[in-house]
Amino acid sequence: MDQGVGEGVDQEVGERAGEGVVVYWRPGCPFCMKLRLRLRFARLRYTEVNIWRDEEAAAFVRSVANGNETVPTVTVAGHPLINPSKRQLMQAVETHAPHLLT
């Protein structure tokens, strides 16, 4: 599992299990870079998973994105979002994982 480092990144295994926010990304994806940068300023703890280094993660993304490896794909407490805006993601956190905002 390849996880990112830096402000806002949580490397707890429980996050990946569906209790928090997981951002599935791949190198070179401009949409991923944009979302990840915006999330770092949001002070939201999350886990980053590079789908090019984690076949299980790639398979998960394909399973929720109609067979495509569309990134960023984000899960919030197990609820998938395909290429969400920061606003959509934060609304999902408020709905499904408000404890992450305190």
N, C-alpha and C. Protein backbone atom coordinates (compact mmCIF):
# COMPACT_ATOMS: atom_id res chain seq x y z
N MET A 1 0.85 -1.17 0.00
CA MET A 1 0.00 0.00 0.00
C MET A 1 0.89 1.22 0.00
N ASP A 2 0.70 2.12 -0.94
CA ASP A 2 1.49 3.33 -1.03
C ASP A 2 0.66 4.49 -0.52
N GLN A 3 1.06 5.05 0.61
CA GLN A 3 0.32 6.15 1.18
C GLN A 3 1.15 7.40 1.11
N GLY A 4 0.48 8.52 0.95
CA GLY A 4 1.17 9.80 0.90
C GLY A 4 1.60 10.25 2.28
N VAL A 5 2.41 11.29 2.29
CA VAL A 5 2.85 11.87 3.55
C VAL A 5 2.59 13.36 3.51
N GLY A 6 2.57 13.97 4.67
CA GLY A 6 2.41 15.41 4.72
C GLY A 6 1.19 15.81 5.52
N GLU A 7 0.96 17.09 5.60
CA GLU A 7 -0.15 17.66 6.34
C GLU A 7 -1.46 17.02 5.92
N GLY A 8 -2.23 16.59 6.91
CA GLY A 8 -3.56 16.08 6.63
C GLY A 8 -3.64 14.61 6.29
N VAL A 9 -2.53 13.94 6.15
CA VAL A 9 -2.58 12.54 5.73
C VAL A 9 -2.56 11.64 6.96
N ASP A 10 -3.53 10.76 7.06
CA ASP A 10 -3.64 9.83 8.18
C ASP A 10 -3.29 8.45 7.67
N GLN A 11 -2.34 7.79 8.32
CA GLN A 11 -1.92 6.48 7.86
C GLN A 11 -2.49 5.35 8.71
N GLU A 12 -3.55 5.61 9.45
CA GLU A 12 -4.17 4.58 10.26
C GLU A 12 -4.84 3.55 9.36
N VAL A 13 -4.67 2.29 9.69
CA VAL A 13 -5.28 1.21 8.91
C VAL A 13 -6.80 1.33 8.95
N GLY A 14 -7.36 1.76 10.05
CA GLY A 14 -8.81 1.90 10.17
C GLY A 14 -9.39 2.85 9.15
N GLU A 15 -8.65 3.84 8.75
CA GLU A 15 -9.13 4.78 7.74
C GLU A 15 -9.41 4.03 6.44
N ARG A 16 -8.53 3.13 6.09
CA ARG A 16 -8.68 2.36 4.85
C ARG A 16 -9.84 1.39 4.95
N ALA A 17 -10.18 1.00 6.17
CA ALA A 17 -11.24 0.03 6.38
C ALA A 17 -12.63 0.64 6.29
N GLY A 18 -12.73 1.93 6.05
CA GLY A 18 -14.04 2.52 5.85
C GLY A 18 -14.50 3.45 6.95
N GLU A 19 -13.66 3.75 7.92
CA GLU A 19 -14.07 4.61 9.02
C GLU A 19 -13.79 6.08 8.74
N GLY A 20 -12.97 6.38 7.75
CA GLY A 20 -12.58 7.76 7.50
C GLY A 20 -12.63 8.10 6.03
N VAL A 21 -11.67 8.93 5.61
CA VAL A 21 -11.59 9.40 4.23
C VAL A 21 -10.38 8.77 3.56
N VAL A 22 -10.58 8.16 2.40
CA VAL A 22 -9.50 7.57 1.63
C VAL A 22 -9.54 8.17 0.22
N VAL A 23 -8.41 8.71 -0.21
CA VAL A 23 -8.29 9.29 -1.55
C VAL A 23 -7.47 8.33 -2.41
N TYR A 24 -8.10 7.75 -3.42
CA TYR A 24 -7.42 6.87 -4.37
C TYR A 24 -6.95 7.75 -5.52
N TRP A 25 -5.66 7.66 -5.85
CA TRP A 25 -5.06 8.54 -6.84
C TRP A 25 -4.04 7.77 -7.65
N ARG A 26 -3.46 8.45 -8.65
CA ARG A 26 -2.33 7.89 -9.40
C ARG A 26 -1.43 9.05 -9.82
N PRO A 27 -0.15 8.78 -10.00
CA PRO A 27 0.79 9.83 -10.41
C PRO A 27 0.40 10.43 -11.76
N GLY A 28 0.60 11.72 -11.88
CA GLY A 28 0.34 12.42 -13.14
C GLY A 28 -1.09 12.86 -13.34
N CYS A 29 -1.98 12.53 -12.44
CA CYS A 29 -3.39 12.90 -12.58
C CYS A 29 -3.60 14.33 -12.08
N PRO A 30 -3.92 15.27 -12.98
CA PRO A 30 -4.08 16.66 -12.55
C PRO A 30 -5.28 16.85 -11.62
N PHE A 31 -6.33 16.06 -11.79
CA PHE A 31 -7.50 16.17 -10.92
C PHE A 31 -7.16 15.72 -9.51
N CYS A 32 -6.32 14.69 -9.42
CA CYS A 32 -5.87 14.20 -8.11
C CYS A 32 -5.01 15.25 -7.42
N MET A 33 -4.08 15.84 -8.16
CA MET A 33 -3.21 16.86 -7.58
C MET A 33 -4.02 18.02 -7.03
N LYS A 34 -5.00 18.45 -7.80
CA LYS A 34 -5.84 19.58 -7.40
C LYS A 34 -6.61 19.26 -6.11
N LEU A 35 -7.26 18.10 -6.07
CA LEU A 35 -8.03 17.72 -4.89
C LEU A 35 -7.13 17.54 -3.67
N ARG A 36 -6.01 16.86 -3.84
CA ARG A 36 -5.11 16.61 -2.72
C ARG A 36 -4.58 17.92 -2.15
N LEU A 37 -4.25 18.88 -3.00
CA LEU A 37 -3.78 20.18 -2.53
C LEU A 37 -4.88 20.88 -1.73
N ARG A 38 -6.08 20.88 -2.25
CA ARG A 38 -7.19 21.53 -1.55
C ARG A 38 -7.49 20.86 -0.22
N LEU A 39 -7.36 19.55 -0.16
CA LEU A 39 -7.62 18.85 1.10
C LEU A 39 -6.57 19.16 2.15
N ARG A 40 -5.36 19.38 1.74
CA ARG A 40 -4.32 19.71 2.72
C ARG A 40 -4.62 21.02 3.42
N PHE A 41 -5.25 21.95 2.72
CA PHE A 41 -5.63 23.22 3.33
C PHE A 41 -6.91 23.10 4.15
N ALA A 42 -7.65 22.03 3.98
CA ALA A 42 -8.91 21.83 4.72
C ALA A 42 -8.67 21.25 6.10
N ARG A 43 -7.46 20.82 6.39
CA ARG A 43 -7.11 20.21 7.68
C ARG A 43 -7.95 18.97 7.98
N LEU A 44 -8.25 18.23 6.95
CA LEU A 44 -9.01 16.99 7.08
C LEU A 44 -8.02 15.84 7.03
N ARG A 45 -8.10 14.95 8.00
CA ARG A 45 -7.21 13.79 8.01
C ARG A 45 -7.74 12.76 7.02
N TYR A 46 -6.84 12.24 6.21
CA TYR A 46 -7.24 11.27 5.19
C TYR A 46 -6.05 10.38 4.84
N THR A 47 -6.35 9.31 4.16
CA THR A 47 -5.34 8.37 3.69
C THR A 47 -5.28 8.47 2.17
N GLU A 48 -4.07 8.46 1.63
CA GLU A 48 -3.88 8.47 0.18
C GLU A 48 -3.41 7.09 -0.26
N VAL A 49 -4.01 6.57 -1.33
CA VAL A 49 -3.62 5.27 -1.85
C VAL A 49 -3.38 5.39 -3.36
N ASN A 50 -2.16 5.07 -3.77
CA ASN A 50 -1.76 5.10 -5.17
C ASN A 50 -2.23 3.81 -5.83
N ILE A 51 -3.19 3.92 -6.76
CA ILE A 51 -3.75 2.70 -7.37
C ILE A 51 -2.77 2.01 -8.30
N TRP A 52 -1.70 2.67 -8.71
CA TRP A 52 -0.70 2.02 -9.54
C TRP A 52 0.23 1.14 -8.72
N ARG A 53 0.20 1.27 -7.40
CA ARG A 53 1.05 0.45 -6.54
C ARG A 53 0.25 -0.51 -5.67
N ASP A 54 -1.06 -0.46 -5.79
CA ASP A 54 -1.91 -1.28 -4.95
C ASP A 54 -3.03 -1.88 -5.81
N GLU A 55 -2.86 -3.12 -6.22
CA GLU A 55 -3.83 -3.76 -7.12
C GLU A 55 -5.21 -3.88 -6.48
N GLU A 56 -5.27 -4.13 -5.18
CA GLU A 56 -6.57 -4.20 -4.51
C GLU A 56 -7.29 -2.86 -4.59
N ALA A 57 -6.54 -1.79 -4.42
CA ALA A 57 -7.13 -0.45 -4.51
C ALA A 57 -7.61 -0.18 -5.93
N ALA A 58 -6.82 -0.57 -6.92
CA ALA A 58 -7.22 -0.38 -8.32
C ALA A 58 -8.50 -1.16 -8.62
N ALA A 59 -8.58 -2.38 -8.10
CA ALA A 59 -9.78 -3.20 -8.31
C ALA A 59 -10.99 -2.56 -7.64
N PHE A 60 -10.78 -2.00 -6.45
CA PHE A 60 -11.88 -1.32 -5.77
C PHE A 60 -12.38 -0.14 -6.60
N VAL A 61 -11.45 0.67 -7.10
CA VAL A 61 -11.83 1.84 -7.91
C VAL A 61 -12.62 1.38 -9.13
N ARG A 62 -12.15 0.33 -9.80
CA ARG A 62 -12.89 -0.19 -10.96
C ARG A 62 -14.29 -0.65 -10.56
N SER A 63 -14.42 -1.22 -9.37
CA SER A 63 -15.72 -1.74 -8.93
C SER A 63 -16.74 -0.64 -8.68
N VAL A 64 -16.29 0.55 -8.34
CA VAL A 64 -17.24 1.65 -8.07
C VAL A 64 -17.31 2.66 -9.20
N ALA A 65 -16.45 2.52 -10.21
CA ALA A 65 -16.39 3.49 -11.31
C ALA A 65 -16.69 2.83 -12.66
N ASN A 66 -17.67 1.95 -12.67
CA ASN A 66 -18.11 1.30 -13.92
C ASN A 66 -16.98 0.64 -14.70
N GLY A 67 -16.06 0.00 -13.98
CA GLY A 67 -14.97 -0.72 -14.63
C GLY A 67 -13.78 0.13 -15.01
N ASN A 68 -13.84 1.42 -14.72
CA ASN A 68 -12.74 2.34 -15.07
C ASN A 68 -11.89 2.64 -13.85
N GLU A 69 -10.66 3.02 -14.09
CA GLU A 69 -9.78 3.45 -13.01
C GLU A 69 -9.84 4.98 -12.91
N THR A 70 -11.03 5.50 -12.67
CA THR A 70 -11.24 6.93 -12.57
C THR A 70 -10.73 7.44 -11.23
N VAL A 71 -9.82 8.39 -11.30
CA VAL A 71 -9.28 9.00 -10.10
C VAL A 71 -9.35 10.52 -10.24
N PRO A 72 -9.47 11.22 -9.13
CA PRO A 72 -9.56 10.67 -7.79
C PRO A 72 -10.92 10.01 -7.53
N THR A 73 -10.84 8.90 -6.86
CA THR A 73 -12.02 8.28 -6.26
C THR A 73 -11.78 8.38 -4.77
N VAL A 74 -12.81 8.76 -4.05
CA VAL A 74 -12.68 8.99 -2.61
C VAL A 74 -13.76 8.21 -1.90
N THR A 75 -13.42 7.62 -0.76
CA THR A 75 -14.45 7.03 0.09
C THR A 75 -14.51 7.83 1.39
N VAL A 76 -15.72 8.06 1.83
CA VAL A 76 -15.98 8.72 3.11
C VAL A 76 -16.80 7.74 3.93
N ALA A 77 -16.18 7.18 4.95
CA ALA A 77 -16.84 6.17 5.79
C ALA A 77 -17.45 5.07 4.92
N GLY A 78 -16.71 4.67 3.88
CA GLY A 78 -17.15 3.59 3.01
C GLY A 78 -18.05 4.00 1.85
N HIS A 79 -18.44 5.26 1.78
CA HIS A 79 -19.30 5.76 0.70
C HIS A 79 -18.43 6.32 -0.42
N PRO A 80 -18.48 5.73 -1.62
CA PRO A 80 -17.60 6.17 -2.71
C PRO A 80 -18.08 7.44 -3.41
N LEU A 81 -17.11 8.26 -3.80
CA LEU A 81 -17.34 9.46 -4.61
C LEU A 81 -16.36 9.40 -5.76
N ILE A 82 -16.83 9.58 -6.98
CA ILE A 82 -15.97 9.52 -8.15
C ILE A 82 -15.66 10.94 -8.61
N ASN A 83 -14.39 11.29 -8.63
CA ASN A 83 -13.90 12.61 -9.04
C ASN A 83 -14.69 13.75 -8.39
N PRO A 84 -14.76 13.75 -7.04
CA PRO A 84 -15.54 14.79 -6.37
C PRO A 84 -14.80 16.12 -6.29
N SER A 85 -15.57 17.19 -6.18
CA SER A 85 -14.98 18.49 -5.87
C SER A 85 -14.71 18.50 -4.36
N LYS A 86 -13.94 19.46 -3.91
CA LYS A 86 -13.70 19.58 -2.47
C LYS A 86 -15.03 19.80 -1.75
N ARG A 87 -15.90 20.59 -2.33
CA ARG A 87 -17.20 20.87 -1.72
C ARG A 87 -18.02 19.58 -1.58
N GLN A 88 -18.08 18.78 -2.64
CA GLN A 88 -18.82 17.51 -2.57
C GLN A 88 -18.23 16.60 -1.51
N LEU A 89 -16.92 16.56 -1.43
CA LEU A 89 -16.25 15.71 -0.45
C LEU A 89 -16.56 16.18 0.97
N MET A 90 -16.48 17.47 1.21
CA MET A 90 -16.74 17.99 2.55
C MET A 90 -18.20 17.78 2.95
N GLN A 91 -19.12 17.87 1.99
CA GLN A 91 -20.53 17.59 2.28
C GLN A 91 -20.71 16.12 2.66
N ALA A 92 -19.99 15.24 1.98
CA ALA A 92 -20.06 13.81 2.32
C ALA A 92 -19.49 13.56 3.71
N VAL A 93 -18.44 14.26 4.07
CA VAL A 93 -17.86 14.11 5.41
C VAL A 93 -18.88 14.59 6.45
N GLU A 94 -19.52 15.72 6.22
CA GLU A 94 -20.54 16.22 7.15
C GLU A 94 -21.67 15.21 7.33
N THR A 95 -22.04 14.53 6.25
CA THR A 95 -23.14 13.57 6.29
C THR A 95 -22.74 12.24 6.91
N HIS A 96 -21.60 11.68 6.47
CA HIS A 96 -21.24 10.31 6.82
C HIS A 96 -20.17 10.18 7.91
N ALA A 97 -19.41 11.23 8.15
CA ALA A 97 -18.32 11.15 9.14
C ALA A 97 -18.08 12.50 9.80
N PRO A 98 -19.12 13.08 10.41
CA PRO A 98 -18.96 14.42 10.99
C PRO A 98 -17.92 14.48 12.11
N HIS A 99 -17.64 13.34 12.73
CA HIS A 99 -16.63 13.32 13.79
C HIS A 99 -15.24 13.69 13.28
N LEU A 100 -15.02 13.59 11.97
CA LEU A 100 -13.71 13.94 11.40
C LEU A 100 -13.52 15.45 11.31
N LEU A 101 -14.58 16.22 11.49
CA LEU A 101 -14.51 17.67 11.36
C LEU A 101 -14.23 18.36 12.69
N THR A 102 -14.19 17.62 13.78
CA THR A 102 -13.96 18.26 15.08
C THR A 102 -12.51 18.23 15.48
